[in-house]
Amino acid sequence: MSKIGMGLGASIVSNNILENKANIKWILRESSVNELDNGWRFLSEIDTEEYLSHAENMSTCDWSTIVEIEPAVLSIFNMPIGTELILIYEGEKKYFIDTNSGQKLSY
């Protein structure tokens, strides 16, 4: 069963992430634009403002696809609208920084 069928919806993701060109770096949760949208947005470490200004560089994908790419995101799913995170990679370790509070989040 797909994650959409389980009610976890879809997210908007940089094609740089989906095409394995770069890691997830910036994560934010906005208000949903429709019933399938869970509000999560994932941007890569190499995305530029110019790249992101072109809608064709972003895709909508099932939440389960994001979890397959980076399982750590499963721990943030229930965070509220307005959440802004940075995913930090330190060798084998990963953690989130809440950009609103500056706090490190464990998962």
N, C-alpha and C. Protein backbone atom coordinates (compact mmCIF):
# COMPACT_ATOMS: atom_id res chain seq x y z
N MET A 1 0.84 -1.18 0.00
CA MET A 1 0.00 0.00 0.00
C MET A 1 0.89 1.24 0.00
N SER A 2 0.52 2.23 -0.79
CA SER A 2 1.33 3.45 -0.85
C SER A 2 1.11 4.29 0.40
N LYS A 3 2.05 5.16 0.67
CA LYS A 3 1.93 6.05 1.82
C LYS A 3 0.77 7.02 1.62
N ILE A 4 0.47 7.39 0.36
CA ILE A 4 -0.67 8.27 0.11
C ILE A 4 -1.94 7.55 0.59
N GLY A 5 -2.06 6.28 0.30
CA GLY A 5 -3.20 5.51 0.75
C GLY A 5 -3.29 5.45 2.27
N MET A 6 -2.17 5.65 2.94
CA MET A 6 -2.14 5.63 4.39
C MET A 6 -2.34 7.04 4.95
N GLY A 7 -2.57 8.00 4.08
CA GLY A 7 -2.86 9.35 4.52
C GLY A 7 -1.67 10.24 4.77
N LEU A 8 -0.47 9.86 4.31
CA LEU A 8 0.71 10.68 4.54
C LEU A 8 0.98 11.66 3.40
N GLY A 9 0.29 11.52 2.30
CA GLY A 9 0.31 12.50 1.24
C GLY A 9 1.59 12.60 0.43
N ALA A 10 1.67 13.72 -0.28
CA ALA A 10 2.78 13.98 -1.19
C ALA A 10 3.46 15.29 -0.81
N SER A 11 4.71 15.41 -1.23
CA SER A 11 5.54 16.58 -0.93
C SER A 11 6.11 17.15 -2.22
N ILE A 12 6.55 18.39 -2.15
CA ILE A 12 7.22 19.03 -3.28
C ILE A 12 8.72 18.94 -3.02
N VAL A 13 9.44 18.43 -4.02
CA VAL A 13 10.84 18.08 -3.85
C VAL A 13 11.67 18.59 -5.02
N SER A 14 12.86 19.09 -4.72
CA SER A 14 13.79 19.50 -5.76
C SER A 14 14.18 18.29 -6.60
N ASN A 15 14.24 18.49 -7.90
CA ASN A 15 14.67 17.40 -8.79
C ASN A 15 16.12 17.01 -8.53
N ASN A 16 16.92 17.92 -7.97
CA ASN A 16 18.30 17.56 -7.62
C ASN A 16 18.32 16.43 -6.60
N ILE A 17 17.34 16.38 -5.71
CA ILE A 17 17.23 15.30 -4.73
C ILE A 17 16.73 14.03 -5.41
N LEU A 18 15.67 14.16 -6.18
CA LEU A 18 15.08 12.98 -6.82
C LEU A 18 16.02 12.33 -7.83
N GLU A 19 16.89 13.12 -8.44
CA GLU A 19 17.84 12.60 -9.43
C GLU A 19 19.18 12.23 -8.80
N ASN A 20 19.25 12.20 -7.48
CA ASN A 20 20.46 11.83 -6.74
C ASN A 20 21.66 12.71 -7.07
N LYS A 21 21.41 13.97 -7.37
CA LYS A 21 22.51 14.90 -7.64
C LYS A 21 23.00 15.56 -6.36
N ALA A 22 22.14 15.58 -5.33
CA ALA A 22 22.51 16.26 -4.08
C ALA A 22 21.66 15.73 -2.94
N ASN A 23 22.17 15.94 -1.72
CA ASN A 23 21.44 15.56 -0.51
C ASN A 23 20.36 16.57 -0.17
N ILE A 24 19.39 16.13 0.62
CA ILE A 24 18.41 17.03 1.20
C ILE A 24 19.15 17.96 2.16
N LYS A 25 18.82 19.24 2.13
CA LYS A 25 19.41 20.17 3.09
C LYS A 25 18.35 21.00 3.80
N TRP A 26 17.48 21.68 3.06
CA TRP A 26 16.46 22.54 3.65
C TRP A 26 15.11 21.86 3.57
N ILE A 27 14.41 21.90 4.68
CA ILE A 27 13.10 21.24 4.77
C ILE A 27 12.14 22.24 5.43
N LEU A 28 11.01 22.46 4.81
CA LEU A 28 10.02 23.33 5.43
C LEU A 28 8.62 22.78 5.24
N ARG A 29 7.74 23.17 6.15
CA ARG A 29 6.35 22.73 6.05
C ARG A 29 5.47 23.96 5.91
N GLU A 30 4.75 23.98 4.80
CA GLU A 30 3.83 25.06 4.47
C GLU A 30 2.40 24.54 4.56
N SER A 31 1.45 25.44 4.42
CA SER A 31 0.05 25.01 4.34
C SER A 31 -0.13 24.18 3.07
N SER A 32 -0.94 23.15 3.16
CA SER A 32 -1.21 22.29 2.00
C SER A 32 -1.94 23.07 0.91
N VAL A 33 -1.64 22.74 -0.34
CA VAL A 33 -2.33 23.39 -1.45
C VAL A 33 -3.51 22.57 -1.97
N ASN A 34 -3.57 21.29 -1.59
CA ASN A 34 -4.71 20.44 -1.94
C ASN A 34 -4.75 19.26 -0.98
N GLU A 35 -5.72 18.38 -1.14
CA GLU A 35 -5.92 17.30 -0.16
C GLU A 35 -4.80 16.27 -0.14
N LEU A 36 -4.04 16.12 -1.23
CA LEU A 36 -2.94 15.16 -1.24
C LEU A 36 -1.63 15.75 -0.71
N ASP A 37 -1.53 17.08 -0.74
CA ASP A 37 -0.30 17.77 -0.33
C ASP A 37 -0.19 17.77 1.20
N ASN A 38 0.93 17.23 1.72
CA ASN A 38 1.14 17.23 3.18
C ASN A 38 1.88 18.49 3.65
N GLY A 39 2.23 19.37 2.72
CA GLY A 39 2.85 20.65 3.08
C GLY A 39 4.36 20.64 3.17
N TRP A 40 4.98 19.47 3.12
CA TRP A 40 6.44 19.39 3.24
C TRP A 40 7.11 19.76 1.92
N ARG A 41 8.20 20.52 2.02
CA ARG A 41 9.01 20.95 0.88
C ARG A 41 10.45 20.58 1.18
N PHE A 42 11.12 19.97 0.20
CA PHE A 42 12.50 19.50 0.37
C PHE A 42 13.38 20.12 -0.70
N LEU A 43 14.43 20.83 -0.26
CA LEU A 43 15.37 21.48 -1.16
C LEU A 43 16.75 20.89 -0.93
N SER A 44 17.54 20.88 -1.98
CA SER A 44 18.86 20.25 -1.88
C SER A 44 19.95 21.25 -1.51
N GLU A 45 21.11 20.69 -1.20
CA GLU A 45 22.27 21.49 -0.82
C GLU A 45 22.84 22.29 -1.98
N ILE A 46 22.47 21.96 -3.22
CA ILE A 46 23.00 22.69 -4.38
C ILE A 46 21.97 23.57 -5.06
N ASP A 47 20.74 23.60 -4.55
CA ASP A 47 19.70 24.43 -5.17
C ASP A 47 20.04 25.90 -4.98
N THR A 48 19.88 26.65 -6.05
CA THR A 48 20.08 28.10 -6.00
C THR A 48 18.71 28.78 -6.16
N GLU A 49 18.67 30.05 -5.86
CA GLU A 49 17.43 30.81 -6.03
C GLU A 49 16.98 30.75 -7.49
N GLU A 50 17.93 30.86 -8.41
CA GLU A 50 17.60 30.80 -9.83
C GLU A 50 17.01 29.43 -10.20
N TYR A 51 17.64 28.36 -9.73
CA TYR A 51 17.15 27.00 -9.99
C TYR A 51 15.73 26.83 -9.46
N LEU A 52 15.50 27.29 -8.25
CA LEU A 52 14.19 27.13 -7.62
C LEU A 52 13.12 28.02 -8.23
N SER A 53 13.53 29.06 -8.96
CA SER A 53 12.55 29.95 -9.58
C SER A 53 11.88 29.33 -10.80
N HIS A 54 12.36 28.18 -11.24
CA HIS A 54 11.77 27.48 -12.38
C HIS A 54 10.98 26.27 -11.88
N ALA A 55 9.67 26.33 -12.01
CA ALA A 55 8.79 25.30 -11.47
C ALA A 55 9.13 23.90 -11.97
N GLU A 56 9.68 23.81 -13.17
CA GLU A 56 10.00 22.49 -13.73
C GLU A 56 11.14 21.80 -12.98
N ASN A 57 11.84 22.52 -12.11
CA ASN A 57 12.92 21.94 -11.32
C ASN A 57 12.44 21.31 -10.02
N MET A 58 11.13 21.37 -9.81
CA MET A 58 10.52 20.78 -8.62
C MET A 58 9.51 19.72 -9.07
N SER A 59 9.33 18.69 -8.24
CA SER A 59 8.37 17.65 -8.55
C SER A 59 7.55 17.35 -7.30
N THR A 60 6.37 16.80 -7.53
CA THR A 60 5.54 16.31 -6.43
C THR A 60 5.78 14.82 -6.35
N CYS A 61 6.06 14.33 -5.15
CA CYS A 61 6.27 12.88 -5.02
C CYS A 61 5.68 12.39 -3.70
N ASP A 62 5.40 11.11 -3.69
CA ASP A 62 4.84 10.44 -2.53
C ASP A 62 5.80 10.56 -1.34
N TRP A 63 5.23 10.72 -0.15
CA TRP A 63 6.04 10.81 1.08
C TRP A 63 6.98 9.61 1.20
N SER A 64 6.51 8.43 0.81
CA SER A 64 7.35 7.22 0.93
C SER A 64 8.62 7.33 0.10
N THR A 65 8.57 8.06 -1.01
CA THR A 65 9.76 8.26 -1.83
C THR A 65 10.81 9.06 -1.06
N ILE A 66 10.37 10.09 -0.35
CA ILE A 66 11.28 10.89 0.45
C ILE A 66 11.90 10.03 1.55
N VAL A 67 11.08 9.21 2.19
CA VAL A 67 11.58 8.34 3.26
C VAL A 67 12.61 7.35 2.72
N GLU A 68 12.40 6.85 1.51
CA GLU A 68 13.38 5.95 0.90
C GLU A 68 14.70 6.67 0.65
N ILE A 69 14.64 7.91 0.22
CA ILE A 69 15.85 8.70 -0.03
C ILE A 69 16.56 9.04 1.27
N GLU A 70 15.79 9.45 2.27
CA GLU A 70 16.37 9.85 3.56
C GLU A 70 15.43 9.43 4.70
N PRO A 71 15.65 8.23 5.26
CA PRO A 71 14.76 7.71 6.31
C PRO A 71 14.62 8.62 7.53
N ALA A 72 15.58 9.47 7.80
CA ALA A 72 15.50 10.36 8.97
C ALA A 72 14.27 11.26 8.93
N VAL A 73 13.75 11.56 7.73
CA VAL A 73 12.61 12.48 7.66
C VAL A 73 11.34 11.89 8.26
N LEU A 74 11.29 10.60 8.41
CA LEU A 74 10.10 9.97 9.01
C LEU A 74 9.83 10.56 10.40
N SER A 75 10.87 10.92 11.12
CA SER A 75 10.73 11.43 12.48
C SER A 75 10.15 12.84 12.54
N ILE A 76 10.12 13.57 11.43
CA ILE A 76 9.65 14.96 11.46
C ILE A 76 8.24 15.11 10.91
N PHE A 77 7.63 14.05 10.42
CA PHE A 77 6.36 14.16 9.68
C PHE A 77 5.30 14.96 10.42
N ASN A 78 5.15 14.79 11.71
CA ASN A 78 4.07 15.43 12.47
C ASN A 78 4.40 16.83 12.97
N MET A 79 5.53 17.38 12.58
CA MET A 79 5.87 18.74 12.99
C MET A 79 4.90 19.73 12.33
N PRO A 80 4.66 20.87 12.97
CA PRO A 80 3.61 21.78 12.50
C PRO A 80 3.98 22.61 11.27
N ILE A 81 2.94 23.18 10.65
CA ILE A 81 3.14 24.15 9.57
C ILE A 81 3.98 25.29 10.14
N GLY A 82 4.93 25.75 9.36
CA GLY A 82 5.86 26.79 9.81
C GLY A 82 7.21 26.24 10.22
N THR A 83 7.30 24.89 10.31
CA THR A 83 8.57 24.26 10.65
C THR A 83 9.58 24.53 9.53
N GLU A 84 10.79 24.90 9.91
CA GLU A 84 11.90 25.08 8.97
C GLU A 84 13.12 24.38 9.56
N LEU A 85 13.65 23.42 8.81
CA LEU A 85 14.76 22.62 9.29
C LEU A 85 15.90 22.61 8.29
N ILE A 86 17.10 22.36 8.82
CA ILE A 86 18.27 22.07 7.99
C ILE A 86 18.73 20.68 8.40
N LEU A 87 18.98 19.82 7.42
CA LEU A 87 19.51 18.49 7.70
C LEU A 87 21.03 18.57 7.56
N ILE A 88 21.71 18.26 8.66
CA ILE A 88 23.18 18.35 8.72
C ILE A 88 23.76 16.94 8.62
N TYR A 89 24.76 16.78 7.78
CA TYR A 89 25.47 15.51 7.62
C TYR A 89 26.86 15.68 8.19
N GLU A 90 27.21 14.86 9.18
CA GLU A 90 28.57 14.85 9.73
C GLU A 90 29.08 13.43 9.68
N GLY A 91 29.72 13.11 8.57
CA GLY A 91 30.17 11.73 8.38
C GLY A 91 28.98 10.80 8.36
N GLU A 92 28.96 9.82 9.24
CA GLU A 92 27.85 8.86 9.31
C GLU A 92 26.67 9.41 10.11
N LYS A 93 26.89 10.49 10.85
CA LYS A 93 25.84 11.06 11.69
C LYS A 93 25.04 12.10 10.92
N LYS A 94 23.75 12.17 11.24
CA LYS A 94 22.87 13.18 10.66
C LYS A 94 22.01 13.73 11.78
N TYR A 95 21.65 15.00 11.67
CA TYR A 95 20.71 15.58 12.62
C TYR A 95 20.05 16.80 11.97
N PHE A 96 18.95 17.21 12.55
CA PHE A 96 18.21 18.37 12.08
C PHE A 96 18.49 19.56 12.99
N ILE A 97 18.53 20.75 12.40
CA ILE A 97 18.57 22.00 13.14
C ILE A 97 17.26 22.72 12.82
N ASP A 98 16.54 23.11 13.87
CA ASP A 98 15.33 23.92 13.70
C ASP A 98 15.80 25.35 13.49
N THR A 99 15.57 25.90 12.29
CA THR A 99 16.10 27.23 11.99
C THR A 99 15.35 28.33 12.74
N ASN A 100 14.14 28.03 13.23
CA ASN A 100 13.40 29.03 14.01
C ASN A 100 13.98 29.17 15.42
N SER A 101 14.42 28.07 16.01
CA SER A 101 14.92 28.10 17.39
C SER A 101 16.43 27.92 17.49
N GLY A 102 17.05 27.40 16.43
CA GLY A 102 18.47 27.09 16.46
C GLY A 102 18.79 25.79 17.18
N GLN A 103 17.77 25.08 17.64
CA GLN A 103 17.98 23.85 18.39
C GLN A 103 18.26 22.67 17.48
N LYS A 104 19.11 21.79 17.99
CA LYS A 104 19.41 20.53 17.33
C LYS A 104 18.30 19.53 17.71
N LEU A 105 17.77 18.85 16.71
CA LEU A 105 16.72 17.86 16.95
C LEU A 105 17.27 16.46 16.77
N SER A 106 17.02 15.62 17.72
CA SER A 106 17.41 14.21 17.60
C SER A 106 16.27 13.45 16.94
N TYR A 107 16.61 12.40 16.26
CA TYR A 107 15.54 11.55 15.69
C TYR A 107 15.79 10.12 16.04
